[in-house]
Protein backbone atom coordinates (compact mmCIF):
# COMPACT_ATOMS: atom_id res chain seq x y z
CA MET A 1 -7.00 -105.92 7.82
CA ILE A 2 -8.06 -102.31 8.40
CA LEU A 3 -5.26 -101.79 10.93
CA GLN A 4 -2.77 -103.36 8.55
CA PHE A 5 -3.96 -101.14 5.68
CA LEU A 6 -3.70 -97.98 7.80
CA LEU A 7 -0.26 -98.93 9.09
CA PHE A 8 1.24 -99.52 5.64
CA PHE A 9 -0.59 -96.50 4.22
CA LEU A 10 1.06 -94.33 6.89
CA ILE A 11 4.44 -95.97 6.27
CA GLY A 12 4.16 -95.12 2.57
CA PHE A 13 3.10 -91.59 3.42
CA PHE A 14 5.79 -90.76 5.97
CA ILE A 15 8.62 -92.50 4.12
CA SER A 16 8.02 -90.01 1.29
CA VAL A 17 7.70 -86.88 3.45
CA PRO A 18 11.38 -85.98 4.03
CA VAL A 19 12.45 -83.18 1.69
CA GLY A 20 14.77 -84.47 -1.00
CA PRO A 21 15.47 -84.27 -4.73
CA VAL A 22 12.27 -86.14 -5.60
CA GLY A 23 10.21 -83.68 -3.56
CA ILE A 24 11.86 -80.84 -5.48
CA LEU A 25 10.98 -82.44 -8.82
CA VAL A 26 7.38 -83.02 -7.74
CA ALA A 27 6.99 -79.44 -6.45
CA ARG A 28 8.54 -77.99 -9.59
CA ASN A 29 6.30 -79.95 -11.95
CA ALA A 30 3.19 -79.19 -9.88
CA LEU A 31 4.09 -75.50 -10.04
CA GLN A 32 4.78 -75.71 -13.74
CA ASP A 33 2.05 -77.98 -15.08
CA GLY A 34 -0.46 -78.66 -12.30
CA VAL A 35 -1.21 -81.23 -9.63
CA LYS A 36 -1.56 -84.16 -12.04
CA LYS A 37 1.95 -83.72 -13.43
CA GLY A 38 3.38 -83.38 -9.92
CA VAL A 39 1.76 -86.64 -8.82
CA LEU A 40 2.95 -88.40 -11.99
CA VAL A 41 6.54 -87.46 -11.20
CA GLY A 42 6.10 -88.76 -7.64
CA PHE A 43 4.75 -91.97 -9.19
CA GLY A 44 8.30 -93.00 -10.10
CA ALA A 45 9.47 -92.64 -6.49
CA SER A 46 6.40 -94.51 -5.22
CA ILE A 47 7.25 -97.45 -7.47
CA SER A 48 10.80 -97.60 -6.12
CA ASP A 49 9.49 -97.36 -2.53
CA THR A 50 7.12 -100.23 -3.20
CA LEU A 51 9.93 -102.23 -4.78
CA TYR A 52 12.16 -101.79 -1.73
CA ALA A 53 9.30 -102.67 0.62
CA SER A 54 8.53 -105.81 -1.39
CA ILE A 55 12.17 -106.90 -1.09
CA LEU A 56 11.91 -106.70 2.69
CA LEU A 57 8.44 -108.21 3.00
CA PHE A 58 9.04 -111.06 0.56
CA ASN A 59 12.58 -111.46 1.91
CA ILE A 60 13.94 -111.67 -1.60
CA TYR A 61 17.62 -112.26 -0.85
CA PRO A 62 18.85 -112.53 -4.48
CA VAL A 63 17.36 -109.15 -5.40
CA LEU A 64 18.67 -107.54 -2.23
CA ALA A 65 22.10 -109.03 -2.89
CA PHE A 66 22.00 -107.65 -6.43
CA LEU A 67 21.21 -104.15 -5.15
CA ARG A 68 24.03 -104.37 -2.63
CA ASN A 69 26.52 -105.65 -5.21
CA TYR A 70 25.68 -102.87 -7.65
CA GLU A 71 25.04 -100.13 -5.09
CA LEU A 72 27.92 -97.98 -6.37
CA ILE A 73 26.70 -98.21 -9.96
CA LEU A 74 23.17 -97.25 -8.93
CA ASN A 75 24.55 -94.36 -6.88
CA PHE A 76 26.60 -93.18 -9.84
CA PHE A 77 23.58 -93.04 -12.16
CA GLY A 78 21.50 -91.34 -9.46
CA ILE A 79 24.19 -88.64 -9.11
CA LEU A 80 24.42 -88.24 -12.88
CA ILE A 81 20.66 -87.71 -13.15
CA LEU A 82 20.77 -85.12 -10.36
CA PHE A 83 23.47 -83.14 -12.16
CA ILE A 84 21.53 -83.28 -15.44
CA LEU A 85 18.31 -82.07 -13.79
CA ALA A 86 20.17 -79.31 -11.94
CA SER A 87 21.75 -78.20 -15.22
CA LYS A 88 18.32 -78.01 -16.86
CA SER A 89 17.03 -75.93 -13.97
CA PHE A 90 19.81 -73.37 -14.34
CA ARG A 91 19.25 -73.06 -18.09
CA ILE A 92 15.55 -72.35 -17.76
CA ARG A 93 14.18 -68.96 -18.67
CA ARG A 94 11.16 -67.32 -17.20
CA ASN A 95 8.54 -68.43 -19.75
CA GLN A 96 10.18 -71.52 -21.25
CA ALA A 97 9.45 -74.16 -18.62
CA HIS A 98 7.42 -76.32 -20.98
CA LYS A 99 10.20 -76.36 -23.57
CA ASN A 100 13.04 -77.21 -21.21
CA PHE A 101 11.42 -79.92 -19.11
CA SER A 102 9.87 -83.27 -19.91
CA PHE A 103 7.83 -84.62 -17.05
CA ARG A 104 8.41 -88.15 -18.44
CA ASP A 105 12.13 -87.63 -17.90
CA ASP A 106 11.38 -86.47 -14.37
CA ILE A 107 9.31 -89.61 -13.69
CA LEU A 108 12.29 -91.77 -14.66
CA GLY A 109 14.57 -89.41 -12.78
CA SER A 110 12.54 -89.70 -9.58
CA PHE A 111 12.61 -93.50 -9.86
CA PHE A 112 16.37 -93.78 -10.36
CA ILE A 113 17.16 -91.11 -7.76
CA ASN A 114 15.06 -92.94 -5.18
CA ILE A 115 16.25 -96.43 -6.09
CA SER A 116 19.88 -95.29 -5.87
CA ASN A 117 19.42 -93.72 -2.42
CA PRO A 118 20.62 -96.17 0.29
CA ALA A 119 18.74 -94.18 2.93
CA VAL A 120 15.45 -95.50 1.54
CA ILE A 121 16.13 -99.17 2.22
CA ILE A 122 17.63 -98.26 5.62
CA SER A 123 14.51 -96.25 6.50
CA PHE A 124 12.22 -99.12 5.54
CA SER A 125 14.31 -101.63 7.49
CA TYR A 126 14.25 -99.41 10.58
CA LEU A 127 10.51 -98.76 10.36
CA PHE A 128 9.67 -102.42 9.85
CA PHE A 129 11.88 -103.31 12.83
CA ILE A 130 10.47 -100.80 15.34
CA LEU A 131 6.88 -101.44 14.24
CA HIS A 132 7.30 -105.23 14.57
CA ILE A 133 5.85 -105.89 11.15
CA GLU A 134 6.42 -109.62 11.68
CA ARG A 135 3.46 -109.70 14.07
CA PHE A 136 1.11 -109.46 11.10
CA SER A 137 0.11 -112.54 9.15
CA LEU A 138 2.15 -111.84 6.05
CA SER A 139 0.92 -114.40 3.58
CA TYR A 140 1.40 -113.76 -0.13
CA ASN A 141 -2.00 -112.06 -0.46
CA SER A 142 -1.41 -110.10 2.73
CA ILE A 143 1.92 -108.78 1.42
CA ILE A 144 0.33 -107.68 -1.87
CA PHE A 145 -2.40 -105.95 0.12
CA SER A 146 0.20 -104.23 2.32
CA LEU A 147 2.26 -103.08 -0.66
CA PHE A 148 -0.84 -101.63 -2.29
CA ALA A 149 -1.62 -99.68 0.90
CA LEU A 150 1.98 -98.45 1.07
CA PHE A 151 1.88 -97.34 -2.57
CA LEU A 152 -1.37 -95.44 -1.99
CA GLY A 153 0.14 -93.73 1.06
CA SER A 154 3.14 -92.60 -0.96
CA ILE A 155 0.95 -91.31 -3.80
CA PHE A 156 -1.25 -89.50 -1.28
CA TRP A 157 1.78 -87.56 -0.01
CA TRP A 158 2.77 -86.53 -3.55
CA ALA A 159 -0.82 -85.42 -4.19
CA THR A 160 -0.79 -83.41 -0.96
CA LEU A 161 2.54 -81.78 -1.81
CA SER A 162 1.50 -81.04 -5.39
CA SER A 163 -1.81 -79.50 -4.30
CA SER A 164 -0.09 -77.34 -1.69
CA VAL A 165 2.56 -76.07 -4.11
CA ARG A 166 0.04 -75.49 -6.88
CA SER A 167 -2.10 -73.36 -4.58
CA LEU A 168 0.88 -71.00 -4.20
CA GLN A 169 1.13 -70.55 -7.96
CA ARG A 170 -1.92 -68.29 -8.03
CA VAL A 171 -0.28 -65.70 -5.79
CA MET A 172 3.22 -65.85 -7.26
CA ARG A 173 4.47 -63.46 -9.94
CA LYS A 174 6.15 -64.87 -13.02
CA ASP A 175 9.55 -63.51 -12.04
CA VAL A 176 9.24 -65.23 -8.65
CA ILE A 177 8.30 -68.49 -10.37
CA GLY A 178 11.43 -68.16 -12.51
CA LEU A 179 13.51 -67.78 -9.36
CA MET A 180 11.84 -70.89 -7.96
CA TYR A 181 13.22 -72.92 -10.86
CA GLN A 182 16.68 -71.51 -10.24
CA PHE A 183 16.35 -72.34 -6.55
CA SER A 184 15.30 -75.90 -7.37
CA GLY A 185 18.47 -76.16 -9.46
CA VAL A 186 20.57 -75.07 -6.47
CA LEU A 187 18.92 -77.68 -4.23
CA LEU A 188 19.31 -80.44 -6.82
CA LEU A 189 22.97 -79.50 -7.27
CA ALA A 190 23.47 -79.56 -3.49
CA PHE A 191 21.99 -83.07 -3.30
CA ALA A 192 24.18 -84.16 -6.23
CA ILE A 193 27.33 -82.89 -4.50
CA PHE A 194 26.33 -84.53 -1.23
CA MET A 195 25.68 -87.85 -2.97
CA SER A 196 29.01 -87.48 -4.81
CA PHE A 197 30.89 -87.26 -1.50
CA TYR A 198 29.02 -90.32 -0.30
CA PHE A 199 29.87 -92.14 -3.55
CA VAL A 200 33.59 -91.30 -3.23
CA TRP A 201 33.57 -92.42 0.41
CA ARG A 202 31.92 -95.75 -0.46
CA LEU A 203 34.38 -96.20 -3.33
CA PHE A 204 37.29 -95.57 -0.99
CA ILE A 205 35.97 -98.10 1.53
CA SER A 206 35.43 -100.72 -1.19
CA PHE A 207 38.96 -100.48 -2.56
CA PHE A 208 41.12 -99.66 0.45
CA LEU A 209 39.37 -100.99 3.55
């Protein structure tokens, strides 16, 4: 059980590490409002990670089929959220972060951005395959235990990221912090454009191939 806990804890941790739009939201909120708010924003992504992992571990074909059937719709809403968050970042002024941002919106944003990202389910599928997850005794209770460990691993990464970013806040001038928000807007916009190209490509394949 200890080995199983550590394995799924590390899966949850490393599946969250790659820099993406959710990481930007977490870092921005940690910089703005502290470690707790950063972790809360990452909470939305951790839930979606756990949901995807549960689909694979429970082998829930109807849910997986639903996600595949409505992949384009989920992608569209994920892109829309990215554009909205990028727009908010560009409109921010140096000392108005608390007025322009709602961390509750960012929690929902991190969930929908993550759940609409096809790379997440692909990453989980690949990890579970190369790690031979099937060798574990995955009873119902064992799966719940594994998902809990995975969720904790994901949350631990967001806590680590938030703490690291927050520690920089003490040595950063206010004008530099303002530029950080602008930079986060550029990154979010870049992700939105990238996802838009992917969306158009998938749309083209669906209708013409």
